[in-house]
């Protein structure tokens, strides 16, 4: 018997890291967050925003406040003493932010 309703799917991608204010004391990296869903709970089926790491930190804190006993996923570390290239650090952080949003 076929399932009577199509399965709801939501995909989220963290892409396109960009260094903003490069070379200045207040430089930072932001990431493109792309969401696509067929859920009826969303008016827009696709959306795209740019967010920086500290906004993920804010989101995680908000989730923790409202999560009760449900564990909130960890964010990738904020190490300023990363051994390796900046590009490698940015890519590892991008992957960690992707995993955070998927969970």
C-alpha atoms as a PDB file:
ATOM      1  CA  UNK A   1       0.000   0.000   0.000  1.00  0.00           C
ATOM      2  CA  UNK A   2       1.572   3.329  -1.012  1.00  0.00           C
ATOM      3  CA  UNK A   3       2.009   5.939   1.670  1.00  0.00           C
ATOM      4  CA  UNK A   4      -0.919   8.389   1.303  1.00  0.00           C
ATOM      5  CA  UNK A   5       1.145  11.548   1.718  1.00  0.00           C
ATOM      6  CA  UNK A   6       4.503  12.483   0.211  1.00  0.00           C
ATOM      7  CA  UNK A   7       7.300  12.313   2.760  1.00  0.00           C
ATOM      8  CA  UNK A   8       8.377  15.684   4.097  1.00  0.00           C
ATOM      9  CA  UNK A   9      11.997  16.457   3.301  1.00  0.00           C
ATOM     10  CA  UNK A  10      14.178  19.317   4.394  1.00  0.00           C
ATOM     11  CA  UNK A  11      17.746  19.766   3.241  1.00  0.00           C
ATOM     12  CA  UNK A  12      20.130  22.356   4.553  1.00  0.00           C
ATOM     13  CA  UNK A  13      23.564  23.195   3.192  1.00  0.00           C
ATOM     14  CA  UNK A  14      26.338  25.342   4.592  1.00  0.00           C
ATOM     15  CA  UNK A  15      28.302  26.655   1.603  1.00  0.00           C
ATOM     16  CA  UNK A  16      30.461  29.393   0.172  1.00  0.00           C
ATOM     17  CA  UNK A  17      32.499  30.649   3.160  1.00  0.00           C
ATOM     18  CA  UNK A  18      33.634  34.234   2.630  1.00  0.00           C
ATOM     19  CA  UNK A  19      36.074  36.318   4.627  1.00  0.00           C
ATOM     20  CA  UNK A  20      34.535  39.723   5.327  1.00  0.00           C
ATOM     21  CA  UNK A  21      36.705  42.794   6.076  1.00  0.00           C
ATOM     22  CA  UNK A  22      39.789  40.758   5.141  1.00  0.00           C
ATOM     23  CA  UNK A  23      43.029  42.180   6.471  1.00  0.00           C
ATOM     24  CA  UNK A  24      41.370  44.267   9.177  1.00  0.00           C
ATOM     25  CA  UNK A  25      41.211  43.603  12.921  1.00  0.00           C
ATOM     26  CA  UNK A  26      37.462  42.880  12.662  1.00  0.00           C
ATOM     27  CA  UNK A  27      37.545  40.334   9.843  1.00  0.00           C
ATOM     28  CA  UNK A  28      35.264  37.312  10.089  1.00  0.00           C
ATOM     29  CA  UNK A  29      33.962  34.481   7.942  1.00  0.00           C
ATOM     30  CA  UNK A  30      30.328  34.086   7.019  1.00  0.00           C
ATOM     31  CA  UNK A  31      28.654  31.144   5.321  1.00  0.00           C
ATOM     32  CA  UNK A  32      25.746  30.783   2.936  1.00  0.00           C
ATOM     33  CA  UNK A  33      22.965  28.718   4.527  1.00  0.00           C
ATOM     34  CA  UNK A  34      20.667  27.231   1.895  1.00  0.00           C
ATOM     35  CA  UNK A  35      17.423  25.502   2.904  1.00  0.00           C
ATOM     36  CA  UNK A  36      15.054  23.573   0.684  1.00  0.00           C
ATOM     37  CA  UNK A  37      11.912  21.836   1.920  1.00  0.00           C
ATOM     38  CA  UNK A  38       8.605  20.436   0.753  1.00  0.00           C
ATOM     39  CA  UNK A  39       7.094  20.816   4.235  1.00  0.00           C
ATOM     40  CA  UNK A  40       3.728  22.541   4.405  1.00  0.00           C
ATOM     41  CA  UNK A  41       4.908  24.227   7.608  1.00  0.00           C
ATOM     42  CA  UNK A  42       7.130  26.534   5.525  1.00  0.00           C
ATOM     43  CA  UNK A  43       5.667  29.259   3.311  1.00  0.00           C
ATOM     44  CA  UNK A  44       8.883  29.622   1.311  1.00  0.00           C
ATOM     45  CA  UNK A  45      10.150  26.310  -0.027  1.00  0.00           C
ATOM     46  CA  UNK A  46      13.692  27.636  -0.442  1.00  0.00           C
ATOM     47  CA  UNK A  47      15.614  30.253   1.452  1.00  0.00           C
ATOM     48  CA  UNK A  48      19.179  31.464   1.533  1.00  0.00           C
ATOM     49  CA  UNK A  49      20.939  33.647   4.113  1.00  0.00           C
ATOM     50  CA  UNK A  50      24.520  34.387   5.148  1.00  0.00           C
ATOM     51  CA  UNK A  51      25.459  33.832   8.780  1.00  0.00           C
ATOM     52  CA  UNK A  52      28.644  33.958  10.811  1.00  0.00           C
ATOM     53  CA  UNK A  53      29.823  31.625  13.559  1.00  0.00           C
ATOM     54  CA  UNK A  54      28.636  33.784  16.457  1.00  0.00           C
ATOM     55  CA  UNK A  55      25.079  33.595  15.091  1.00  0.00           C
ATOM     56  CA  UNK A  56      25.294  29.795  15.314  1.00  0.00           C
ATOM     57  CA  UNK A  57      26.425  30.217  18.932  1.00  0.00           C
ATOM     58  CA  UNK A  58      23.332  32.376  19.583  1.00  0.00           C
ATOM     59  CA  UNK A  59      21.076  29.778  17.915  1.00  0.00           C
ATOM     60  CA  UNK A  60      22.534  26.964  20.009  1.00  0.00           C
ATOM     61  CA  UNK A  61      21.955  28.949  23.227  1.00  0.00           C
ATOM     62  CA  UNK A  62      18.326  29.557  22.243  1.00  0.00           C
ATOM     63  CA  UNK A  63      17.860  25.853  21.505  1.00  0.00           C
ATOM     64  CA  UNK A  64      19.398  24.927  24.865  1.00  0.00           C
ATOM     65  CA  UNK A  65      16.991  27.251  26.695  1.00  0.00           C
ATOM     66  CA  UNK A  66      14.022  25.499  25.109  1.00  0.00           C
ATOM     67  CA  UNK A  67      15.275  21.936  24.722  1.00  0.00           C
ATOM     68  CA  UNK A  68      14.455  20.549  28.171  1.00  0.00           C
ATOM     69  CA  UNK A  69      16.138  17.144  28.367  1.00  0.00           C
ATOM     70  CA  UNK A  70      16.731  16.878  24.616  1.00  0.00           C
ATOM     71  CA  UNK A  71      20.475  17.191  23.931  1.00  0.00           C
ATOM     72  CA  UNK A  72      21.449  20.059  21.637  1.00  0.00           C
ATOM     73  CA  UNK A  73      24.199  19.220  19.103  1.00  0.00           C
ATOM     74  CA  UNK A  74      27.669  20.652  19.607  1.00  0.00           C
ATOM     75  CA  UNK A  75      29.168  23.337  17.413  1.00  0.00           C
ATOM     76  CA  UNK A  76      32.646  23.002  15.938  1.00  0.00           C
ATOM     77  CA  UNK A  77      35.343  24.521  18.137  1.00  0.00           C
ATOM     78  CA  UNK A  78      36.300  28.178  18.120  1.00  0.00           C
ATOM     79  CA  UNK A  79      40.039  27.582  18.416  1.00  0.00           C
ATOM     80  CA  UNK A  80      42.136  30.592  17.498  1.00  0.00           C
ATOM     81  CA  UNK A  81      45.254  28.402  17.710  1.00  0.00           C
ATOM     82  CA  UNK A  82      44.463  26.094  14.805  1.00  0.00           C
ATOM     83  CA  UNK A  83      47.454  24.277  13.362  1.00  0.00           C
ATOM     84  CA  UNK A  84      47.190  24.265   9.582  1.00  0.00           C
ATOM     85  CA  UNK A  85      46.025  26.634   6.907  1.00  0.00           C
ATOM     86  CA  UNK A  86      43.226  29.144   7.326  1.00  0.00           C
ATOM     87  CA  UNK A  87      41.411  27.534   4.388  1.00  0.00           C
ATOM     88  CA  UNK A  88      41.579  24.150   6.107  1.00  0.00           C
ATOM     89  CA  UNK A  89      40.197  25.621   9.346  1.00  0.00           C
ATOM     90  CA  UNK A  90      37.350  27.343   7.478  1.00  0.00           C
ATOM     91  CA  UNK A  91      36.455  24.111   5.670  1.00  0.00           C
ATOM     92  CA  UNK A  92      36.471  22.069   8.891  1.00  0.00           C
ATOM     93  CA  UNK A  93      34.259  24.677  10.539  1.00  0.00           C
ATOM     94  CA  UNK A  94      31.911  24.673   7.517  1.00  0.00           C
ATOM     95  CA  UNK A  95      31.582  20.898   7.801  1.00  0.00           C
ATOM     96  CA  UNK A  96      30.912  21.171  11.554  1.00  0.00           C
ATOM     97  CA  UNK A  97      28.232  23.832  11.052  1.00  0.00           C
ATOM     98  CA  UNK A  98      26.621  21.635   8.372  1.00  0.00           C
ATOM     99  CA  UNK A  99      26.508  18.688  10.808  1.00  0.00           C
ATOM    100  CA  UNK A 100      25.081  20.917  13.545  1.00  0.00           C
ATOM    101  CA  UNK A 101      22.204  22.057  11.318  1.00  0.00           C
ATOM    102  CA  UNK A 102      21.525  18.534  10.037  1.00  0.00           C
ATOM    103  CA  UNK A 103      21.198  17.223  13.597  1.00  0.00           C
END
